[in-house]
Amino acid sequence: LVRKRQSTIDLTPPWPRLTVDEAFRRW
């Protein structure tokens, strides 16, 4: 799907899964 802000979100599965802890550690 092409969004209006020129970014593309790909809905093809599988979608990534992140634990909240992984997300907070990373970012």
PDB file of all heavy atoms in Angstrom:
ATOM      1  N   LEU A   1       0.839  -1.198   0.000  1.00  0.00           N
ATOM      2  CA  LEU A   1       0.000   0.000   0.000  1.00  0.00           C
ATOM      3  C   LEU A   1       0.870   1.243   0.000  1.00  0.00           C
ATOM      4  O   LEU A   1       1.702   1.413   0.889  1.00  0.00           O
ATOM      5  CB  LEU A   1      -0.918   0.010   1.231  1.00  0.00           C
ATOM      6  CG  LEU A   1      -1.877  -1.171   1.345  1.00  0.00           C
ATOM      7  CD1 LEU A   1      -2.645  -1.086   2.655  1.00  0.00           C
ATOM      8  CD2 LEU A   1      -2.838  -1.186   0.179  1.00  0.00           C
ATOM      9  N   VAL A   2       0.686   2.118  -0.948  1.00  0.00           N
ATOM     10  CA  VAL A   2       1.447   3.350  -1.002  1.00  0.00           C
ATOM     11  C   VAL A   2       0.693   4.428  -0.244  1.00  0.00           C
ATOM     12  O   VAL A   2      -0.453   4.747  -0.573  1.00  0.00           O
ATOM     13  CB  VAL A   2       1.681   3.802  -2.459  1.00  0.00           C
ATOM     14  CG1 VAL A   2       2.447   5.132  -2.487  1.00  0.00           C
ATOM     15  CG2 VAL A   2       2.454   2.731  -3.222  1.00  0.00           C
ATOM     16  N   ARG A   3       1.312   4.980   0.782  1.00  0.00           N
ATOM     17  CA  ARG A   3       0.692   6.049   1.554  1.00  0.00           C
ATOM     18  C   ARG A   3       0.973   7.395   0.901  1.00  0.00           C
ATOM     19  O   ARG A   3       1.878   7.529   0.089  1.00  0.00           O
ATOM     20  CB  ARG A   3       1.234   6.049   2.987  1.00  0.00           C
ATOM     21  CG  ARG A   3       1.066   4.732   3.736  1.00  0.00           C
ATOM     22  CD  ARG A   3      -0.403   4.355   3.907  1.00  0.00           C
ATOM     23  NE  ARG A   3      -1.130   5.408   4.594  1.00  0.00           N
ATOM     24  CZ  ARG A   3      -1.092   5.588   5.927  1.00  0.00           C
ATOM     25  NH1 ARG A   3      -0.385   4.781   6.682  1.00  0.00           N
ATOM     26  NH2 ARG A   3      -1.776   6.551   6.489  1.00  0.00           N
ATOM     27  N   LYS A   4       0.238   8.417   1.281  1.00  0.00           N
ATOM     28  CA  LYS A   4       0.378   9.727   0.665  1.00  0.00           C
ATOM     29  C   LYS A   4       1.702  10.394   1.017  1.00  0.00           C
ATOM     30  O   LYS A   4       2.113  11.342   0.359  1.00  0.00           O
ATOM     31  CB  LYS A   4      -0.797  10.622   1.058  1.00  0.00           C
ATOM     32  CG  LYS A   4      -2.110  10.177   0.404  1.00  0.00           C
ATOM     33  CD  LYS A   4      -3.229  11.137   0.717  1.00  0.00           C
ATOM     34  CE  LYS A   4      -4.498  10.714  -0.027  1.00  0.00           C
ATOM     35  NZ  LYS A   4      -5.617  11.617   0.273  1.00  0.00           N
ATOM     36  N   ARG A   5       2.341   9.928   2.040  1.00  0.00           N
ATOM     37  CA  ARG A   5       3.620  10.518   2.423  1.00  0.00           C
ATOM     38  C   ARG A   5       4.788   9.785   1.753  1.00  0.00           C
ATOM     39  O   ARG A   5       5.894   9.744   2.244  1.00  0.00           O
ATOM     40  CB  ARG A   5       3.766  10.506   3.940  1.00  0.00           C
ATOM     41  CG  ARG A   5       2.697  11.373   4.609  1.00  0.00           C
ATOM     42  CD  ARG A   5       2.858  11.431   6.116  1.00  0.00           C
ATOM     43  NE  ARG A   5       1.826  12.242   6.718  1.00  0.00           N
ATOM     44  CZ  ARG A   5       1.725  12.481   8.013  1.00  0.00           C
ATOM     45  NH1 ARG A   5       2.603  11.956   8.849  1.00  0.00           N
ATOM     46  NH2 ARG A   5       0.745  13.226   8.488  1.00  0.00           N
ATOM     47  N   GLN A   6       4.509   9.198   0.624  1.00  0.00           N
ATOM     48  CA  GLN A   6       5.520   8.530  -0.202  1.00  0.00           C
ATOM     49  C   GLN A   6       6.212   7.357   0.495  1.00  0.00           C
ATOM     50  O   GLN A   6       7.344   7.010   0.184  1.00  0.00           O
ATOM     51  CB  GLN A   6       6.594   9.537  -0.687  1.00  0.00           C
ATOM     52  CG  GLN A   6       6.113  10.469  -1.775  1.00  0.00           C
ATOM     53  CD  GLN A   6       5.202  11.559  -1.276  1.00  0.00           C
ATOM     54  OE1 GLN A   6       5.520  12.225  -0.292  1.00  0.00           O
ATOM     55  NE2 GLN A   6       4.081  11.755  -1.931  1.00  0.00           N
ATOM     56  N   SER A   7       5.547   6.753   1.445  1.00  0.00           N
ATOM     57  CA  SER A   7       6.079   5.542   2.056  1.00  0.00           C
ATOM     58  C   SER A   7       5.168   4.377   1.709  1.00  0.00           C
ATOM     59  O   SER A   7       3.995   4.564   1.412  1.00  0.00           O
ATOM     60  CB  SER A   7       6.191   5.698   3.581  1.00  0.00           C
ATOM     61  OG  SER A   7       4.920   5.883   4.153  1.00  0.00           O
ATOM     62  N   THR A   8       5.717   3.191   1.737  1.00  0.00           N
ATOM     63  CA  THR A   8       4.964   2.003   1.360  1.00  0.00           C
ATOM     64  C   THR A   8       4.883   1.060   2.542  1.00  0.00           C
ATOM     65  O   THR A   8       5.896   0.769   3.184  1.00  0.00           O
ATOM     66  CB  THR A   8       5.645   1.275   0.181  1.00  0.00           C
ATOM     67  OG1 THR A   8       5.695   2.159  -0.933  1.00  0.00           O
ATOM     68  CG2 THR A   8       4.861   0.029  -0.204  1.00  0.00           C
ATOM     69  N   ILE A   9       3.686   0.589   2.852  1.00  0.00           N
ATOM     70  CA  ILE A   9       3.506  -0.412   3.895  1.00  0.00           C
ATOM     71  C   ILE A   9       3.127  -1.715   3.211  1.00  0.00           C
ATOM     72  O   ILE A   9       2.088  -1.801   2.562  1.00  0.00           O
ATOM     73  CB  ILE A   9       2.432   0.019   4.903  1.00  0.00           C
ATOM     74  CG1 ILE A   9       2.859   1.300   5.604  1.00  0.00           C
ATOM     75  CG2 ILE A   9       2.193  -1.094   5.932  1.00  0.00           C
ATOM     76  CD1 ILE A   9       1.849   1.838   6.581  1.00  0.00           C
ATOM     77  N   ASP A  10       3.978  -2.704   3.348  1.00  0.00           N
ATOM     78  CA  ASP A  10       3.795  -3.990   2.686  1.00  0.00           C
ATOM     79  C   ASP A  10       3.016  -4.917   3.612  1.00  0.00           C
ATOM     80  O   ASP A  10       3.488  -5.266   4.689  1.00  0.00           O
ATOM     81  CB  ASP A  10       5.165  -4.583   2.344  1.00  0.00           C
ATOM     82  CG  ASP A  10       5.067  -5.920   1.640  1.00  0.00           C
ATOM     83  OD1 ASP A  10       3.945  -6.324   1.275  1.00  0.00           O
ATOM     84  OD2 ASP A  10       6.119  -6.557   1.458  1.00  0.00           O
ATOM     85  N   LEU A  11       1.834  -5.343   3.184  1.00  0.00           N
ATOM     86  CA  LEU A  11       0.998  -6.211   4.003  1.00  0.00           C
ATOM     87  C   LEU A  11       1.261  -7.688   3.786  1.00  0.00           C
ATOM     88  O   LEU A  11       0.580  -8.532   4.361  1.00  0.00           O
ATOM     89  CB  LEU A  11      -0.487  -5.929   3.719  1.00  0.00           C
ATOM     90  CG  LEU A  11      -1.012  -4.554   4.102  1.00  0.00           C
ATOM     91  CD1 LEU A  11      -2.514  -4.479   3.887  1.00  0.00           C
ATOM     92  CD2 LEU A  11      -0.684  -4.221   5.540  1.00  0.00           C
ATOM     93  N   THR A  12       2.255  -8.028   2.978  1.00  0.00           N
ATOM     94  CA  THR A  12       2.550  -9.434   2.740  1.00  0.00           C
ATOM     95  C   THR A  12       2.987 -10.107   4.043  1.00  0.00           C
ATOM     96  O   THR A  12       3.933  -9.659   4.682  1.00  0.00           O
ATOM     97  CB  THR A  12       3.669  -9.582   1.701  1.00  0.00           C
ATOM     98  OG1 THR A  12       3.322  -8.859   0.526  1.00  0.00           O
ATOM     99  CG2 THR A  12       3.888 -11.051   1.363  1.00  0.00           C
ATOM    100  N   PRO A  13       2.304 -11.180   4.460  1.00  0.00           N
ATOM    101  CA  PRO A  13       2.716 -11.862   5.693  1.00  0.00           C
ATOM    102  C   PRO A  13       3.983 -12.684   5.464  1.00  0.00           C
ATOM    103  O   PRO A  13       4.307 -13.009   4.316  1.00  0.00           O
ATOM    104  CB  PRO A  13       1.514 -12.760   5.997  1.00  0.00           C
ATOM    105  CG  PRO A  13       0.834 -12.972   4.679  1.00  0.00           C
ATOM    106  CD  PRO A  13       1.088 -11.738   3.864  1.00  0.00           C
ATOM    107  N   PRO A  14       4.697 -12.975   6.579  1.00  0.00           N
ATOM    108  CA  PRO A  14       4.378 -12.642   7.975  1.00  0.00           C
ATOM    109  C   PRO A  14       4.836 -11.237   8.339  1.00  0.00           C
ATOM    110  O   PRO A  14       5.780 -10.715   7.759  1.00  0.00           O
ATOM    111  CB  PRO A  14       5.177 -13.688   8.757  1.00  0.00           C
ATOM    112  CG  PRO A  14       6.384 -13.937   7.896  1.00  0.00           C
ATOM    113  CD  PRO A  14       5.895 -13.844   6.470  1.00  0.00           C
ATOM    114  N   TRP A  15       4.130 -10.650   9.329  1.00  0.00           N
ATOM    115  CA  TRP A  15       4.502  -9.336   9.833  1.00  0.00           C
ATOM    116  C   TRP A  15       5.454  -9.482  11.011  1.00  0.00           C
ATOM    117  O   TRP A  15       5.361 -10.440  11.787  1.00  0.00           O
ATOM    118  CB  TRP A  15       3.253  -8.580  10.278  1.00  0.00           C
ATOM    119  CG  TRP A  15       2.263  -8.347   9.177  1.00  0.00           C
ATOM    120  CD1 TRP A  15       2.476  -8.496   7.832  1.00  0.00           C
ATOM    121  CD2 TRP A  15       0.907  -7.927   9.335  1.00  0.00           C
ATOM    122  NE1 TRP A  15       1.332  -8.187   7.138  1.00  0.00           N
ATOM    123  CE2 TRP A  15       0.350  -7.833   8.024  1.00  0.00           C
ATOM    124  CE3 TRP A  15       0.106  -7.610  10.424  1.00  0.00           C
ATOM    125  CZ2 TRP A  15      -0.971  -7.451   7.807  1.00  0.00           C
ATOM    126  CZ3 TRP A  15      -1.202  -7.219  10.214  1.00  0.00           C
ATOM    127  CH2 TRP A  15      -1.735  -7.139   8.911  1.00  0.00           C
ATOM    128  N   PRO A  16       6.390  -8.543  11.163  1.00  0.00           N
ATOM    129  CA  PRO A  16       7.347  -8.647  12.277  1.00  0.00           C
ATOM    130  C   PRO A  16       6.653  -8.538  13.635  1.00  0.00           C
ATOM    131  O   PRO A  16       5.614  -7.878  13.780  1.00  0.00           O
ATOM    132  CB  PRO A  16       8.290  -7.471  12.036  1.00  0.00           C
ATOM    133  CG  PRO A  16       7.533  -6.528  11.162  1.00  0.00           C
ATOM    134  CD  PRO A  16       6.635  -7.365  10.321  1.00  0.00           C
ATOM    135  N   ARG A  17       7.276  -9.193  14.621  1.00  0.00           N
ATOM    136  CA  ARG A  17       6.794  -9.154  15.998  1.00  0.00           C
ATOM    137  C   ARG A  17       7.958  -8.757  16.904  1.00  0.00           C
ATOM    138  O   ARG A  17       9.039  -9.336  16.829  1.00  0.00           O
ATOM    139  CB  ARG A  17       6.241 -10.511  16.435  1.00  0.00           C
ATOM    140  CG  ARG A  17       5.094 -11.010  15.564  1.00  0.00           C
ATOM    141  CD  ARG A  17       4.597 -12.381  16.008  1.00  0.00           C
ATOM    142  NE  ARG A  17       3.485 -12.843  15.176  1.00  0.00           N
ATOM    143  CZ  ARG A  17       2.789 -13.959  15.416  1.00  0.00           C
ATOM    144  NH1 ARG A  17       3.100 -14.717  16.467  1.00  0.00           N
ATOM    145  NH2 ARG A  17       1.806 -14.306  14.615  1.00  0.00           N
ATOM    146  N   LEU A  18       7.714  -7.761  17.744  1.00  0.00           N
ATOM    147  CA  LEU A  18       8.727  -7.289  18.675  1.00  0.00           C
ATOM    148  C   LEU A  18       8.155  -7.275  20.079  1.00  0.00           C
ATOM    149  O   LEU A  18       7.034  -6.799  20.290  1.00  0.00           O
ATOM    150  CB  LEU A  18       9.140  -5.849  18.332  1.00  0.00           C
ATOM    151  CG  LEU A  18      10.182  -5.576  17.257  1.00  0.00           C
ATOM    152  CD1 LEU A  18      10.300  -4.070  17.055  1.00  0.00           C
ATOM    153  CD2 LEU A  18      11.521  -6.153  17.642  1.00  0.00           C
ATOM    154  N   THR A  19       8.916  -7.774  21.046  1.00  0.00           N
ATOM    155  CA  THR A  19       8.473  -7.576  22.419  1.00  0.00           C
ATOM    156  C   THR A  19       8.662  -6.103  22.767  1.00  0.00           C
ATOM    157  O   THR A  19       9.499  -5.397  22.175  1.00  0.00           O
ATOM    158  CB  THR A  19       9.260  -8.433  23.420  1.00  0.00           C
ATOM    159  OG1 THR A  19      10.608  -7.964  23.485  1.00  0.00           O
ATOM    160  CG2 THR A  19       9.230  -9.909  23.021  1.00  0.00           C
ATOM    161  N   VAL A  20       7.894  -5.619  23.709  1.00  0.00           N
ATOM    162  CA  VAL A  20       8.028  -4.231  24.137  1.00  0.00           C
ATOM    163  C   VAL A  20       9.429  -3.980  24.685  1.00  0.00           C
ATOM    164  O   VAL A  20      10.028  -2.934  24.447  1.00  0.00           O
ATOM    165  CB  VAL A  20       6.946  -3.892  25.180  1.00  0.00           C
ATOM    166  CG1 VAL A  20       7.164  -2.510  25.772  1.00  0.00           C
ATOM    167  CG2 VAL A  20       5.561  -3.987  24.547  1.00  0.00           C
ATOM    168  N   ASP A  21       9.971  -4.968  25.389  1.00  0.00           N
ATOM    169  CA  ASP A  21      11.322  -4.828  25.925  1.00  0.00           C
ATOM    170  C   ASP A  21      12.337  -4.668  24.797  1.00  0.00           C
ATOM    171  O   ASP A  21      13.235  -3.813  24.883  1.00  0.00           O
ATOM    172  CB  ASP A  21      11.668  -6.046  26.784  1.00  0.00           C
ATOM    173  CG  ASP A  21      12.988  -5.889  27.504  1.00  0.00           C
ATOM    174  OD1 ASP A  21      13.087  -5.011  28.384  1.00  0.00           O
ATOM    175  OD2 ASP A  21      13.943  -6.638  27.179  1.00  0.00           O
ATOM    176  N   GLU A  22      12.204  -5.453  23.730  1.00  0.00           N
ATOM    177  CA  GLU A  22      13.113  -5.323  22.591  1.00  0.00           C
ATOM    178  C   GLU A  22      13.018  -3.937  21.967  1.00  0.00           C
ATOM    179  O   GLU A  22      14.038  -3.329  21.609  1.00  0.00           O
ATOM    180  CB  GLU A  22      12.788  -6.388  21.535  1.00  0.00           C
ATOM    181  CG  GLU A  22      13.150  -7.805  21.941  1.00  0.00           C
ATOM    182  CD  GLU A  22      12.609  -8.846  20.979  1.00  0.00           C
ATOM    183  OE1 GLU A  22      11.600  -8.568  20.287  1.00  0.00           O
ATOM    184  OE2 GLU A  22      13.193  -9.942  20.926  1.00  0.00           O
ATOM    185  N   ALA A  23      11.788  -3.439  21.825  1.00  0.00           N
ATOM    186  CA  ALA A  23      11.592  -2.119  21.218  1.00  0.00           C
ATOM    187  C   ALA A  23      12.213  -1.016  22.068  1.00  0.00           C
ATOM    188  O   ALA A  23      12.864  -0.100  21.541  1.00  0.00           O
ATOM    189  CB  ALA A  23      10.101  -1.862  21.015  1.00  0.00           C
ATOM    190  N   PHE A  24      12.042  -1.092  23.395  1.00  0.00           N
ATOM    191  CA  PHE A  24      12.609  -0.057  24.267  1.00  0.00           C
ATOM    192  C   PHE A  24      14.131  -0.153  24.309  1.00  0.00           C
ATOM    193  O   PHE A  24      14.816   0.875  24.324  1.00  0.00           O
ATOM    194  CB  PHE A  24      12.015  -0.169  25.670  1.00  0.00           C
ATOM    195  CG  PHE A  24      10.752   0.635  25.843  1.00  0.00           C
ATOM    196  CD1 PHE A  24       9.560   0.217  25.289  1.00  0.00           C
ATOM    197  CD2 PHE A  24      10.772   1.830  26.557  1.00  0.00           C
ATOM    198  CE1 PHE A  24       8.399   0.955  25.442  1.00  0.00           C
ATOM    199  CE2 PHE A  24       9.617   2.584  26.711  1.00  0.00           C
ATOM    200  CZ  PHE A  24       8.427   2.145  26.151  1.00  0.00           C
ATOM    201  N   ARG A  25      14.673  -1.356  24.326  1.00  0.00           N
ATOM    202  CA  ARG A  25      16.132  -1.496  24.304  1.00  0.00           C
ATOM    203  C   ARG A  25      16.710  -0.897  23.018  1.00  0.00           C
ATOM    204  O   ARG A  25      17.739  -0.214  23.035  1.00  0.00           O
ATOM    205  CB  ARG A  25      16.519  -2.968  24.410  1.00  0.00           C
ATOM    206  CG  ARG A  25      16.354  -3.586  25.789  1.00  0.00           C
ATOM    207  CD  ARG A  25      16.655  -5.076  25.735  1.00  0.00           C
ATOM    208  NE  ARG A  25      16.494  -5.733  27.009  1.00  0.00           N
ATOM    209  CZ  ARG A  25      17.455  -5.898  27.922  1.00  0.00           C
ATOM    210  NH1 ARG A  25      18.662  -5.430  27.667  1.00  0.00           N
ATOM    211  NH2 ARG A  25      17.212  -6.509  29.048  1.00  0.00           N
ATOM    212  N   ARG A  26      16.051  -1.178  21.904  1.00  0.00           N
ATOM    213  CA  ARG A  26      16.564  -0.765  20.601  1.00  0.00           C
ATOM    214  C   ARG A  26      16.480   0.738  20.408  1.00  0.00           C
ATOM    215  O   ARG A  26      17.426   1.359  19.902  1.00  0.00           O
ATOM    216  CB  ARG A  26      15.786  -1.480  19.490  1.00  0.00           C
ATOM    217  CG  ARG A  26      16.240  -1.119  18.081  1.00  0.00           C
ATOM    218  CD  ARG A  26      15.386  -1.794  17.020  1.00  0.00           C
ATOM    219  NE  ARG A  26      15.403  -3.241  17.128  1.00  0.00           N
ATOM    220  CZ  ARG A  26      14.781  -4.052  16.272  1.00  0.00           C
ATOM    221  NH1 ARG A  26      14.089  -3.535  15.252  1.00  0.00           N
ATOM    222  NH2 ARG A  26      14.834  -5.362  16.431  1.00  0.00           N
ATOM    223  N   TRP A  27      15.356   1.359  20.809  1.00  0.00           N
ATOM    224  CA  TRP A  27      15.121   2.750  20.427  1.00  0.00           C
ATOM    225  C   TRP A  27      15.116   3.738  21.596  1.00  0.00           C
ATOM    226  O   TRP A  27      15.288   4.933  21.366  1.00  0.00           O
ATOM    227  CB  TRP A  27      13.793   2.841  19.668  1.00  0.00           C
ATOM    228  CG  TRP A  27      13.836   2.137  18.349  1.00  0.00           C
ATOM    229  CD1 TRP A  27      14.817   2.248  17.390  1.00  0.00           C
ATOM    230  CD2 TRP A  27      12.866   1.222  17.826  1.00  0.00           C
ATOM    231  NE1 TRP A  27      14.517   1.462  16.311  1.00  0.00           N
ATOM    232  CE2 TRP A  27      13.324   0.816  16.538  1.00  0.00           C
ATOM    233  CE3 TRP A  27      11.664   0.707  18.292  1.00  0.00           C
ATOM    234  CZ2 TRP A  27      12.623  -0.083  15.739  1.00  0.00           C
ATOM    235  CZ3 TRP A  27      10.960  -0.195  17.506  1.00  0.00           C
ATOM    236  CH2 TRP A  27      11.433  -0.576  16.244  1.00  0.00           C
TER     237      TRP A  27
END
